[in-house]
Amino acid sequence: MRVEYRNLPLNRDQLDDDPLVQFTRWMTDAEKSGIEEANAFVVATADSAGSPSARTVLLKGAGPGGFDFYTNYESRKAAEIESNPVAAAVFLWVPIRRQIRIEGTVSKVDQALSDAYFASRPPESRLASAASPQSRVVADREELEAALEEIRSRYPDGGVPRPANWGGYRIKPQTYEFWQGREARFHDRFLYTRDGDRWQIERLAP
């Protein structure tokens, strides 16, 4: 299962001083390479005792304020964010041998933004989000299907309003790491660390 990476070197002079600009460049490269759902990333959280959990979500906004994703506010990750509002994120693009790691604080996005994003979703996705008690134990698939049909009967056109327990979170980065695979696992890694209004950039050993 071993694969040798043949990437070109990644040097400091190729990196933008602003990690968001660098992130955007790499995201664009991932999209142009044909990677499906290049905006998918793993987000890891931990409860108040430090026990971690991780799952894949989709990036739905990126800007100077941070990185946005949406979920059920009664899910496990939401409970962990409530008690311990920090997270780590990993974007992994295997075909181009790159990954980006981000660590930072987490907060809810404002309700207007959550409303706007929910309204932009396909009708069936809105219905499914309203019907699902995310992360909770259910008896069987039939229970979920029944909940979905009940919601659909009330909103046959799919125009269900955003549930109060569903919305967005924003990760505000404190660190970024840009990783590029190299031959013999001798990878190139660069760490951006926030220093006031600036970013310090350092090379890390592979």
C-alpha atoms as a PDB file:
ATOM      1  CA  MET A   1       0.000   0.000   0.000  1.00  0.00           C
ATOM      2  CA  ARG A   2       3.025   2.267  -0.050  1.00  0.00           C
ATOM      3  CA  VAL A   3       3.006   5.044  -2.655  1.00  0.00           C
ATOM      4  CA  GLU A   4       6.021   7.204  -3.419  1.00  0.00           C
ATOM      5  CA  TYR A   5       5.242  10.915  -3.747  1.00  0.00           C
ATOM      6  CA  ARG A   6       6.811  12.849  -6.618  1.00  0.00           C
ATOM      7  CA  ASN A   7       5.852  16.413  -5.780  1.00  0.00           C
ATOM      8  CA  LEU A   8       8.019  19.404  -6.511  1.00  0.00           C
ATOM      9  CA  PRO A   9       9.654  21.075  -3.482  1.00  0.00           C
ATOM     10  CA  LEU A  10       7.631  23.495  -1.364  1.00  0.00           C
ATOM     11  CA  ASN A  11       9.800  26.406  -0.289  1.00  0.00           C
ATOM     12  CA  ARG A  12       9.160  29.419   1.910  1.00  0.00           C
ATOM     13  CA  ASP A  13       9.307  31.835  -1.014  1.00  0.00           C
ATOM     14  CA  GLN A  14       6.353  30.032  -2.636  1.00  0.00           C
ATOM     15  CA  LEU A  15       4.082  30.740   0.335  1.00  0.00           C
ATOM     16  CA  ASP A  16       1.980  33.860   0.765  1.00  0.00           C
ATOM     17  CA  ASP A  17       2.454  35.782   4.011  1.00  0.00           C
ATOM     18  CA  ASP A  18      -1.313  35.492   4.556  1.00  0.00           C
ATOM     19  CA  PRO A  19      -2.361  31.878   5.282  1.00  0.00           C
ATOM     20  CA  LEU A  20      -5.899  32.506   4.033  1.00  0.00           C
ATOM     21  CA  VAL A  21      -4.504  33.498   0.624  1.00  0.00           C
ATOM     22  CA  GLN A  22      -2.352  30.362   0.652  1.00  0.00           C
ATOM     23  CA  PHE A  23      -5.336  28.231   1.671  1.00  0.00           C
ATOM     24  CA  THR A  24      -7.378  29.646  -1.211  1.00  0.00           C
ATOM     25  CA  ARG A  25      -4.608  28.847  -3.682  1.00  0.00           C
ATOM     26  CA  TRP A  26      -4.424  25.242  -2.553  1.00  0.00           C
ATOM     27  CA  MET A  27      -8.203  24.846  -2.467  1.00  0.00           C
ATOM     28  CA  THR A  28      -8.327  26.124  -6.051  1.00  0.00           C
ATOM     29  CA  ASP A  29      -5.620  23.628  -7.043  1.00  0.00           C
ATOM     30  CA  ALA A  30      -7.612  20.808  -5.418  1.00  0.00           C
ATOM     31  CA  GLU A  31     -10.786  21.807  -7.268  1.00  0.00           C
ATOM     32  CA  LYS A  32      -8.970  22.113 -10.616  1.00  0.00           C
ATOM     33  CA  SER A  33      -7.428  18.674 -10.126  1.00  0.00           C
ATOM     34  CA  GLY A  34     -10.921  17.171 -10.164  1.00  0.00           C
ATOM     35  CA  ILE A  35     -11.076  16.077  -6.518  1.00  0.00           C
ATOM     36  CA  GLU A  36     -14.733  15.501  -5.564  1.00  0.00           C
ATOM     37  CA  GLU A  37     -15.907  17.585  -2.618  1.00  0.00           C
ATOM     38  CA  ALA A  38     -12.543  19.267  -2.207  1.00  0.00           C
ATOM     39  CA  ASN A  39     -14.270  21.291   0.522  1.00  0.00           C
ATOM     40  CA  ALA A  40     -14.657  18.212   2.738  1.00  0.00           C
ATOM     41  CA  PHE A  41     -12.571  18.266   5.904  1.00  0.00           C
ATOM     42  CA  VAL A  42     -12.263  16.393   9.170  1.00  0.00           C
ATOM     43  CA  VAL A  43     -13.080  18.447  12.237  1.00  0.00           C
ATOM     44  CA  ALA A  44     -11.976  17.168  15.635  1.00  0.00           C
ATOM     45  CA  THR A  45     -13.430  18.328  18.934  1.00  0.00           C
ATOM     46  CA  ALA A  46     -13.056  17.195  22.534  1.00  0.00           C
ATOM     47  CA  ASP A  47     -15.322  17.132  25.557  1.00  0.00           C
ATOM     48  CA  SER A  48     -14.571  18.863  28.857  1.00  0.00           C
ATOM     49  CA  ALA A  49     -12.523  15.840  29.978  1.00  0.00           C
ATOM     50  CA  GLY A  50     -10.385  15.981  26.840  1.00  0.00           C
ATOM     51  CA  SER A  51     -11.841  12.879  25.165  1.00  0.00           C
ATOM     52  CA  PRO A  52     -11.675  13.535  21.398  1.00  0.00           C
ATOM     53  CA  SER A  53     -13.984  12.760  18.502  1.00  0.00           C
ATOM     54  CA  ALA A  54     -13.724  13.522  14.792  1.00  0.00           C
ATOM     55  CA  ARG A  55     -15.942  13.513  11.727  1.00  0.00           C
ATOM     56  CA  THR A  56     -16.051  14.833   8.171  1.00  0.00           C
ATOM     57  CA  VAL A  57     -18.003  18.008   7.378  1.00  0.00           C
ATOM     58  CA  LEU A  58     -18.169  20.389   4.420  1.00  0.00           C
ATOM     59  CA  LEU A  59     -16.638  23.849   4.295  1.00  0.00           C
ATOM     60  CA  LYS A  60     -19.362  26.370   3.461  1.00  0.00           C
ATOM     61  CA  GLY A  61     -17.513  29.640   3.889  1.00  0.00           C
ATOM     62  CA  ALA A  62     -13.944  30.864   4.318  1.00  0.00           C
ATOM     63  CA  GLY A  63     -12.797  34.397   4.995  1.00  0.00           C
ATOM     64  CA  PRO A  64     -10.792  36.598   7.358  1.00  0.00           C
ATOM     65  CA  GLY A  65     -13.180  35.676  10.183  1.00  0.00           C
ATOM     66  CA  GLY A  66     -12.651  31.950   9.824  1.00  0.00           C
ATOM     67  CA  PHE A  67     -13.999  28.728   8.326  1.00  0.00           C
ATOM     68  CA  ASP A  68     -17.718  27.887   8.445  1.00  0.00           C
ATOM     69  CA  PHE A  69     -19.560  24.580   8.599  1.00  0.00           C
ATOM     70  CA  TYR A  70     -23.147  23.700   9.506  1.00  0.00           C
ATOM     71  CA  THR A  71     -24.646  21.075  11.764  1.00  0.00           C
ATOM     72  CA  ASN A  72     -27.283  20.218  14.338  1.00  0.00           C
ATOM     73  CA  TYR A  73     -26.713  22.173  17.545  1.00  0.00           C
ATOM     74  CA  GLU A  74     -27.778  19.099  19.559  1.00  0.00           C
ATOM     75  CA  SER A  75     -25.192  16.799  17.952  1.00  0.00           C
ATOM     76  CA  ARG A  76     -22.190  15.363  19.743  1.00  0.00           C
ATOM     77  CA  LYS A  77     -19.765  17.829  18.160  1.00  0.00           C
ATOM     78  CA  ALA A  78     -22.013  20.714  19.179  1.00  0.00           C
ATOM     79  CA  ALA A  79     -22.097  19.495  22.782  1.00  0.00           C
ATOM     80  CA  GLU A  80     -18.317  19.248  22.785  1.00  0.00           C
ATOM     81  CA  ILE A  81     -17.910  22.699  21.266  1.00  0.00           C
ATOM     82  CA  GLU A  82     -20.263  24.093  23.913  1.00  0.00           C
ATOM     83  CA  SER A  83     -18.098  22.732  26.734  1.00  0.00           C
ATOM     84  CA  ASN A  84     -14.718  23.141  25.030  1.00  0.00           C
ATOM     85  CA  PRO A  85     -14.871  25.710  22.178  1.00  0.00           C
ATOM     86  CA  VAL A  86     -11.756  24.724  20.255  1.00  0.00           C
ATOM     87  CA  ALA A  87     -11.299  22.483  17.227  1.00  0.00           C
ATOM     88  CA  ALA A  88      -8.769  21.064  14.803  1.00  0.00           C
ATOM     89  CA  ALA A  89      -9.481  20.691  11.084  1.00  0.00           C
ATOM     90  CA  VAL A  90      -7.727  18.670   8.382  1.00  0.00           C
ATOM     91  CA  PHE A  91      -8.179  19.071   4.626  1.00  0.00           C
ATOM     92  CA  LEU A  92      -6.619  16.062   2.887  1.00  0.00           C
ATOM     93  CA  TRP A  93      -6.193  15.958  -0.898  1.00  0.00           C
ATOM     94  CA  VAL A  94      -4.505  12.627  -1.596  1.00  0.00           C
ATOM     95  CA  PRO A  95      -4.280  12.896  -5.435  1.00  0.00           C
ATOM     96  CA  ILE A  96      -2.163  16.055  -5.177  1.00  0.00           C
ATOM     97  CA  ARG A  97      -0.320  14.906  -2.020  1.00  0.00           C
ATOM     98  CA  ARG A  98      -1.315  17.879   0.096  1.00  0.00           C
ATOM     99  CA  GLN A  99      -3.023  18.551   3.370  1.00  0.00           C
ATOM    100  CA  ILE A 100      -3.787  21.612   5.450  1.00  0.00           C
ATOM    101  CA  ARG A 101      -4.185  21.488   9.213  1.00  0.00           C
ATOM    102  CA  ILE A 102      -5.961  24.266  11.106  1.00  0.00           C
ATOM    103  CA  GLU A 103      -6.417  24.749  14.846  1.00  0.00           C
ATOM    104  CA  GLY A 104      -8.443  27.460  16.509  1.00  0.00           C
ATOM    105  CA  THR A 105     -11.391  28.604  18.554  1.00  0.00           C
ATOM    106  CA  VAL A 106     -15.011  27.926  17.585  1.00  0.00           C
ATOM    107  CA  SER A 107     -18.169  30.010  17.876  1.00  0.00           C
ATOM    108  CA  LYS A 108     -21.622  30.039  16.302  1.00  0.00           C
ATOM    109  CA  VAL A 109     -22.187  32.159  13.211  1.00  0.00           C
ATOM    110  CA  ASP A 110     -24.951  34.741  13.462  1.00  0.00           C
ATOM    111  CA  GLN A 111     -28.526  33.559  12.933  1.00  0.00           C
ATOM    112  CA  ALA A 112     -29.005  35.558   9.731  1.00  0.00           C
ATOM    113  CA  LEU A 113     -26.121  33.713   8.098  1.00  0.00           C
ATOM    114  CA  SER A 114     -27.507  30.352   9.230  1.00  0.00           C
ATOM    115  CA  ASP A 115     -30.946  31.313   7.892  1.00  0.00           C
ATOM    116  CA  ALA A 116     -29.495  32.311   4.528  1.00  0.00           C
ATOM    117  CA  TYR A 117     -27.467  29.144   4.137  1.00  0.00           C
ATOM    118  CA  PHE A 118     -30.363  26.890   5.190  1.00  0.00           C
ATOM    119  CA  ALA A 119     -32.650  28.587   2.661  1.00  0.00           C
ATOM    120  CA  SER A 120     -30.094  27.970  -0.091  1.00  0.00           C
ATOM    121  CA  ARG A 121     -30.089  24.196   0.431  1.00  0.00           C
ATOM    122  CA  PRO A 122     -32.117  21.808  -1.764  1.00  0.00           C
ATOM    123  CA  PRO A 123     -35.633  21.164  -0.384  1.00  0.00           C
ATOM    124  CA  GLU A 124     -34.926  17.506   0.451  1.00  0.00           C
ATOM    125  CA  SER A 125     -31.807  18.473   2.401  1.00  0.00           C
ATOM    126  CA  ARG A 126     -33.779  21.012   4.425  1.00  0.00           C
ATOM    127  CA  LEU A 127     -36.438  18.405   5.210  1.00  0.00           C
ATOM    128  CA  ALA A 128     -33.823  15.831   6.206  1.00  0.00           C
ATOM    129  CA  SER A 129     -32.067  18.269   8.549  1.00  0.00           C
ATOM    130  CA  ALA A 130     -35.354  19.167  10.215  1.00  0.00           C
ATOM    131  CA  ALA A 131     -36.295  15.497  10.658  1.00  0.00           C
ATOM    132  CA  SER A 132     -32.992  14.132  11.988  1.00  0.00           C
ATOM    133  CA  PRO A 133     -32.193  14.022  15.734  1.00  0.00           C
ATOM    134  CA  GLN A 134     -28.500  13.977  14.829  1.00  0.00           C
ATOM    135  CA  SER A 135     -26.207  11.726  16.881  1.00  0.00           C
ATOM    136  CA  ARG A 136     -29.068  10.303  18.953  1.00  0.00           C
ATOM    137  CA  VAL A 137     -29.884   6.601  19.119  1.00  0.00           C
ATOM    138  CA  VAL A 138     -32.935   5.599  17.043  1.00  0.00           C
ATOM    139  CA  ALA A 139     -34.760   2.284  16.917  1.00  0.00           C
ATOM    140  CA  ASP A 140     -34.369   1.716  13.179  1.00  0.00           C
ATOM    141  CA  ARG A 141     -34.394   3.329   9.742  1.00  0.00           C
ATOM    142  CA  GLU A 142     -38.179   3.260   9.738  1.00  0.00           C
ATOM    143  CA  GLU A 143     -38.240   5.699  12.657  1.00  0.00           C
ATOM    144  CA  LEU A 144     -36.159   8.146  10.660  1.00  0.00           C
ATOM    145  CA  GLU A 145     -38.259   7.706   7.534  1.00  0.00           C
ATOM    146  CA  ALA A 146     -41.438   8.292   9.540  1.00  0.00           C
ATOM    147  CA  ALA A 147     -40.017  11.527  10.972  1.00  0.00           C
ATOM    148  CA  LEU A 148     -39.070  12.645   7.478  1.00  0.00           C
ATOM    149  CA  GLU A 149     -42.528  11.907   6.112  1.00  0.00           C
ATOM    150  CA  GLU A 150     -44.153  13.798   8.981  1.00  0.00           C
ATOM    151  CA  ILE A 151     -42.061  16.885   8.187  1.00  0.00           C
ATOM    152  CA  ARG A 152     -42.742  16.491   4.460  1.00  0.00           C
ATOM    153  CA  SER A 153     -46.501  16.323   5.089  1.00  0.00           C
ATOM    154  CA  ARG A 154     -46.319  19.726   6.795  1.00  0.00           C
ATOM    155  CA  TYR A 155     -44.021  21.273   4.187  1.00  0.00           C
ATOM    156  CA  PRO A 156     -44.757  19.453   0.901  1.00  0.00           C
ATOM    157  CA  ASP A 157     -42.836  22.045  -1.110  1.00  0.00           C
ATOM    158  CA  GLY A 158     -39.761  21.586   1.083  1.00  0.00           C
ATOM    159  CA  GLY A 159     -40.030  25.116   2.445  1.00  0.00           C
ATOM    160  CA  VAL A 160     -39.382  24.148   6.047  1.00  0.00           C
ATOM    161  CA  PRO A 161     -37.895  27.018   8.074  1.00  0.00           C
ATOM    162  CA  ARG A 162     -34.497  26.586   9.683  1.00  0.00           C
ATOM    163  CA  PRO A 163     -34.889  24.656  12.949  1.00  0.00           C
ATOM    164  CA  ALA A 164     -33.673  26.550  16.009  1.00  0.00           C
ATOM    165  CA  ASN A 165     -31.315  23.650  16.760  1.00  0.00           C
ATOM    166  CA  TRP A 166     -29.526  23.823  13.392  1.00  0.00           C
ATOM    167  CA  GLY A 167     -26.947  26.325  12.227  1.00  0.00           C
ATOM    168  CA  GLY A 168     -23.356  27.217  11.592  1.00  0.00           C
ATOM    169  CA  TYR A 169     -20.068  27.255  13.444  1.00  0.00           C
ATOM    170  CA  ARG A 170     -16.943  29.212  12.600  1.00  0.00           C
ATOM    171  CA  ILE A 171     -13.404  28.069  13.326  1.00  0.00           C
ATOM    172  CA  LYS A 172     -11.126  31.064  13.876  1.00  0.00           C
ATOM    173  CA  PRO A 173      -7.603  29.823  13.117  1.00  0.00           C
ATOM    174  CA  GLN A 174      -4.745  30.309  15.521  1.00  0.00           C
ATOM    175  CA  THR A 175      -2.425  28.052  13.511  1.00  0.00           C
ATOM    176  CA  TYR A 176      -2.270  26.667   9.965  1.00  0.00           C
ATOM    177  CA  GLU A 177       0.047  23.964   8.707  1.00  0.00           C
ATOM    178  CA  PHE A 178       0.636  23.407   4.988  1.00  0.00           C
ATOM    179  CA  TRP A 179       1.932  19.925   4.228  1.00  0.00           C
ATOM    180  CA  GLN A 180       3.192  18.656   0.892  1.00  0.00           C
ATOM    181  CA  GLY A 181       4.211  15.050   0.409  1.00  0.00           C
ATOM    182  CA  ARG A 182       7.754  14.376  -0.793  1.00  0.00           C
ATOM    183  CA  GLU A 183       9.853  11.370  -1.705  1.00  0.00           C
ATOM    184  CA  ALA A 184      10.782   8.873   1.045  1.00  0.00           C
ATOM    185  CA  ARG A 185       8.293  10.571   3.399  1.00  0.00           C
ATOM    186  CA  PHE A 186      10.706  13.521   3.684  1.00  0.00           C
ATOM    187  CA  HIS A 187       7.794  15.942   3.430  1.00  0.00           C
ATOM    188  CA  ASP A 188       7.705  19.738   3.329  1.00  0.00           C
ATOM    189  CA  ARG A 189       5.761  21.344   6.190  1.00  0.00           C
ATOM    190  CA  PHE A 190       5.236  25.002   7.067  1.00  0.00           C
ATOM    191  CA  LEU A 191       3.529  26.279  10.212  1.00  0.00           C
ATOM    192  CA  TYR A 192       1.763  29.659  10.409  1.00  0.00           C
ATOM    193  CA  THR A 193       1.237  30.884  13.981  1.00  0.00           C
ATOM    194  CA  ARG A 194      -0.774  34.002  14.782  1.00  0.00           C
ATOM    195  CA  ASP A 195       1.343  36.751  16.341  1.00  0.00           C
ATOM    196  CA  GLY A 196      -1.001  39.679  17.009  1.00  0.00           C
ATOM    197  CA  ASP A 197      -2.049  40.989  13.605  1.00  0.00           C
ATOM    198  CA  ARG A 198       0.721  39.112  11.825  1.00  0.00           C
ATOM    199  CA  TRP A 199       1.606  35.501  11.080  1.00  0.00           C
ATOM    200  CA  GLN A 200       4.911  33.866  11.904  1.00  0.00           C
ATOM    201  CA  ILE A 201       5.969  31.197   9.384  1.00  0.00           C
ATOM    202  CA  GLU A 202       8.326  28.361  10.300  1.00  0.00           C
ATOM    203  CA  ARG A 203       9.422  25.176   8.562  1.00  0.00           C
ATOM    204  CA  LEU A 204       8.729  21.945  10.461  1.00  0.00           C
ATOM    205  CA  ALA A 205      10.651  18.707  10.169  1.00  0.00           C
ATOM    206  CA  PRO A 206       8.703  15.934   8.431  1.00  0.00           C
END
